[in-house]
N, C-alpha and C. Protein backbone atom coordinates (compact mmCIF):
# COMPACT_ATOMS: atom_id res chain seq x y z
N ALA A 1 0.82 -1.19 0.00
CA ALA A 1 0.00 0.00 0.00
C ALA A 1 0.87 1.25 0.00
N ALA A 2 1.98 1.20 0.73
CA ALA A 2 2.86 2.38 0.79
C ALA A 2 3.35 2.76 -0.60
N VAL A 3 3.75 1.78 -1.38
CA VAL A 3 4.24 2.05 -2.73
C VAL A 3 3.12 2.61 -3.60
N ILE A 4 1.94 2.03 -3.53
CA ILE A 4 0.81 2.50 -4.33
C ILE A 4 0.40 3.91 -3.93
N HIS A 5 0.43 4.22 -2.63
CA HIS A 5 0.09 5.57 -2.15
C HIS A 5 1.20 6.58 -2.40
N GLY A 6 2.38 6.12 -2.81
CA GLY A 6 3.50 7.03 -3.05
C GLY A 6 4.22 7.46 -1.79
N ILE A 7 4.09 6.68 -0.72
CA ILE A 7 4.77 6.97 0.54
C ILE A 7 6.22 6.52 0.40
N PRO A 8 7.18 7.43 0.59
CA PRO A 8 8.59 7.02 0.46
C PRO A 8 9.00 6.05 1.57
N LEU A 9 9.75 5.04 1.20
CA LEU A 9 10.24 4.07 2.17
C LEU A 9 11.74 4.23 2.33
N ILE A 10 12.22 4.01 3.54
CA ILE A 10 13.65 4.08 3.82
C ILE A 10 14.23 2.69 3.63
N GLY A 11 15.30 2.58 2.86
CA GLY A 11 15.92 1.29 2.64
C GLY A 11 15.25 0.52 1.52
N ALA A 12 15.62 -0.74 1.44
CA ALA A 12 15.09 -1.62 0.38
C ALA A 12 13.63 -1.96 0.64
N LEU A 13 12.93 -2.29 -0.43
CA LEU A 13 11.55 -2.75 -0.28
C LEU A 13 11.55 -4.07 0.47
N PRO A 14 10.51 -4.33 1.26
CA PRO A 14 10.43 -5.61 1.97
C PRO A 14 10.40 -6.78 0.98
N GLU A 15 10.93 -7.91 1.41
CA GLU A 15 10.93 -9.09 0.55
C GLU A 15 9.55 -9.74 0.49
N GLN A 16 8.71 -9.49 1.50
CA GLN A 16 7.37 -10.05 1.54
C GLN A 16 6.33 -8.93 1.51
N VAL A 17 5.22 -9.18 0.83
CA VAL A 17 4.08 -8.28 0.87
C VAL A 17 3.26 -8.66 2.09
N GLN A 18 2.89 -7.67 2.89
CA GLN A 18 2.08 -7.94 4.08
C GLN A 18 0.61 -7.78 3.71
N LEU A 19 -0.17 -8.81 3.97
CA LEU A 19 -1.60 -8.81 3.72
C LEU A 19 -2.34 -8.84 5.05
N VAL A 20 -3.48 -8.18 5.11
CA VAL A 20 -4.29 -8.19 6.33
C VAL A 20 -5.66 -8.75 5.97
N ARG A 21 -6.09 -9.73 6.74
CA ARG A 21 -7.42 -10.31 6.55
C ARG A 21 -8.30 -9.81 7.68
N VAL A 22 -9.15 -8.85 7.36
CA VAL A 22 -10.00 -8.22 8.36
C VAL A 22 -11.00 -9.22 8.91
N GLY A 23 -11.09 -9.27 10.24
CA GLY A 23 -12.06 -10.13 10.91
C GLY A 23 -11.68 -11.60 10.94
N ARG A 24 -10.47 -11.93 10.57
CA ARG A 24 -10.04 -13.33 10.58
C ARG A 24 -8.93 -13.52 11.60
N ALA A 25 -8.92 -14.65 12.26
CA ALA A 25 -7.87 -14.96 13.23
C ALA A 25 -6.75 -15.74 12.55
N GLY A 26 -5.60 -15.72 13.17
CA GLY A 26 -4.47 -16.50 12.66
C GLY A 26 -3.76 -15.80 11.52
N GLY A 27 -2.59 -16.28 11.21
CA GLY A 27 -1.80 -15.71 10.14
C GLY A 27 -1.16 -16.81 9.32
N ARG A 28 -0.51 -16.40 8.25
CA ARG A 28 0.14 -17.36 7.37
C ARG A 28 1.31 -16.68 6.68
N ARG A 29 2.30 -17.45 6.33
CA ARG A 29 3.49 -16.88 5.69
C ARG A 29 3.92 -17.77 4.53
N THR A 30 4.23 -17.14 3.41
CA THR A 30 4.84 -17.84 2.28
C THR A 30 6.12 -17.08 1.94
N THR A 31 6.82 -17.49 0.91
CA THR A 31 8.03 -16.77 0.55
C THR A 31 7.73 -15.36 0.04
N ALA A 32 6.54 -15.14 -0.52
CA ALA A 32 6.20 -13.84 -1.09
C ALA A 32 5.28 -13.00 -0.22
N THR A 33 4.50 -13.64 0.67
CA THR A 33 3.51 -12.89 1.45
C THR A 33 3.53 -13.27 2.92
N ARG A 34 3.06 -12.33 3.72
CA ARG A 34 2.83 -12.57 5.15
C ARG A 34 1.41 -12.09 5.43
N THR A 35 0.54 -12.98 5.86
CA THR A 35 -0.85 -12.64 6.12
C THR A 35 -1.08 -12.54 7.62
N LEU A 36 -1.66 -11.42 8.04
CA LEU A 36 -1.91 -11.15 9.45
C LEU A 36 -3.40 -10.92 9.67
N PRO A 37 -3.90 -11.23 10.88
CA PRO A 37 -5.29 -10.90 11.18
C PRO A 37 -5.42 -9.39 11.39
N GLY A 38 -6.55 -8.83 11.01
CA GLY A 38 -6.78 -7.40 11.21
C GLY A 38 -8.07 -7.15 11.95
N PRO A 39 -8.13 -6.06 12.70
CA PRO A 39 -9.36 -5.74 13.43
C PRO A 39 -10.48 -5.33 12.47
N ALA A 40 -11.70 -5.42 12.92
CA ALA A 40 -12.85 -5.09 12.08
C ALA A 40 -12.82 -3.64 11.60
N ASP A 41 -12.17 -2.74 12.36
CA ASP A 41 -12.13 -1.33 11.97
C ASP A 41 -10.88 -0.96 11.16
N TYR A 42 -10.19 -1.94 10.63
CA TYR A 42 -9.00 -1.69 9.79
C TYR A 42 -9.44 -0.87 8.58
N GLU A 43 -8.77 0.24 8.31
CA GLU A 43 -9.18 1.16 7.25
C GLU A 43 -8.71 0.68 5.88
N VAL A 44 -9.67 0.39 5.01
CA VAL A 44 -9.38 -0.11 3.67
C VAL A 44 -10.02 0.83 2.65
N VAL A 45 -9.29 1.09 1.56
CA VAL A 45 -9.81 1.89 0.45
C VAL A 45 -9.57 1.12 -0.84
N GLU A 46 -10.29 1.50 -1.89
CA GLU A 46 -10.03 0.88 -3.19
C GLU A 46 -9.22 1.85 -4.04
N THR A 47 -8.08 1.38 -4.53
CA THR A 47 -7.19 2.19 -5.34
C THR A 47 -6.71 1.35 -6.52
N GLU A 48 -6.82 1.91 -7.70
CA GLU A 48 -6.39 1.20 -8.91
C GLU A 48 -7.04 -0.18 -9.03
N GLY A 49 -8.28 -0.28 -8.55
CA GLY A 49 -9.04 -1.52 -8.67
C GLY A 49 -8.74 -2.59 -7.64
N ILE A 50 -7.90 -2.27 -6.65
CA ILE A 50 -7.61 -3.25 -5.60
C ILE A 50 -7.87 -2.64 -4.23
N SER A 51 -8.19 -3.47 -3.27
CA SER A 51 -8.40 -3.01 -1.89
C SER A 51 -7.06 -2.97 -1.17
N ILE A 52 -6.73 -1.80 -0.62
CA ILE A 52 -5.49 -1.63 0.13
C ILE A 52 -5.80 -0.82 1.38
N SER A 53 -4.87 -0.81 2.32
CA SER A 53 -5.07 -0.01 3.52
C SER A 53 -5.04 1.47 3.15
N SER A 54 -5.78 2.27 3.93
CA SER A 54 -5.81 3.72 3.71
C SER A 54 -4.42 4.29 3.97
N VAL A 55 -4.20 5.54 3.57
CA VAL A 55 -2.92 6.19 3.84
C VAL A 55 -2.64 6.21 5.33
N ALA A 56 -3.64 6.63 6.13
CA ALA A 56 -3.44 6.69 7.59
C ALA A 56 -3.12 5.32 8.16
N GLN A 57 -3.86 4.29 7.75
CA GLN A 57 -3.62 2.94 8.25
C GLN A 57 -2.25 2.44 7.82
N THR A 58 -1.84 2.75 6.60
CA THR A 58 -0.53 2.34 6.11
C THR A 58 0.58 2.98 6.94
N LEU A 59 0.43 4.26 7.28
CA LEU A 59 1.43 4.93 8.11
C LEU A 59 1.53 4.28 9.49
N VAL A 60 0.39 3.92 10.08
CA VAL A 60 0.40 3.21 11.37
C VAL A 60 1.12 1.87 11.21
N ASP A 61 0.80 1.14 10.16
CA ASP A 61 1.43 -0.17 9.93
C ASP A 61 2.94 -0.03 9.75
N LEU A 62 3.37 0.98 9.00
CA LEU A 62 4.81 1.20 8.80
C LEU A 62 5.49 1.53 10.11
N GLY A 63 4.84 2.34 10.94
CA GLY A 63 5.41 2.68 12.24
C GLY A 63 5.57 1.45 13.12
N ARG A 64 4.61 0.57 13.08
CA ARG A 64 4.71 -0.67 13.87
C ARG A 64 5.83 -1.56 13.36
N ARG A 65 5.97 -1.63 12.04
CA ARG A 65 7.00 -2.49 11.45
C ARG A 65 8.40 -1.99 11.74
N ARG A 66 8.58 -0.70 11.77
CA ARG A 66 9.91 -0.10 11.96
C ARG A 66 10.33 -0.04 13.42
N SER A 67 9.39 -0.21 14.34
CA SER A 67 9.76 -0.08 15.77
C SER A 67 10.15 -1.41 16.37
């Protein structure tokens, strides 16, 4: 979502795409993706025909990942 929203990232792009499944428990990991459970109020928008996290939600997610 950060790349699609045009949010600059520090360093290399992550090797895995992080996916959030709203309202689902448990997670899963493959070589290309990491799927995490998300709360029911997770902010999602449609951009370029796909559902992604909102800019605000993406910034929160990036902050969590970097800390």
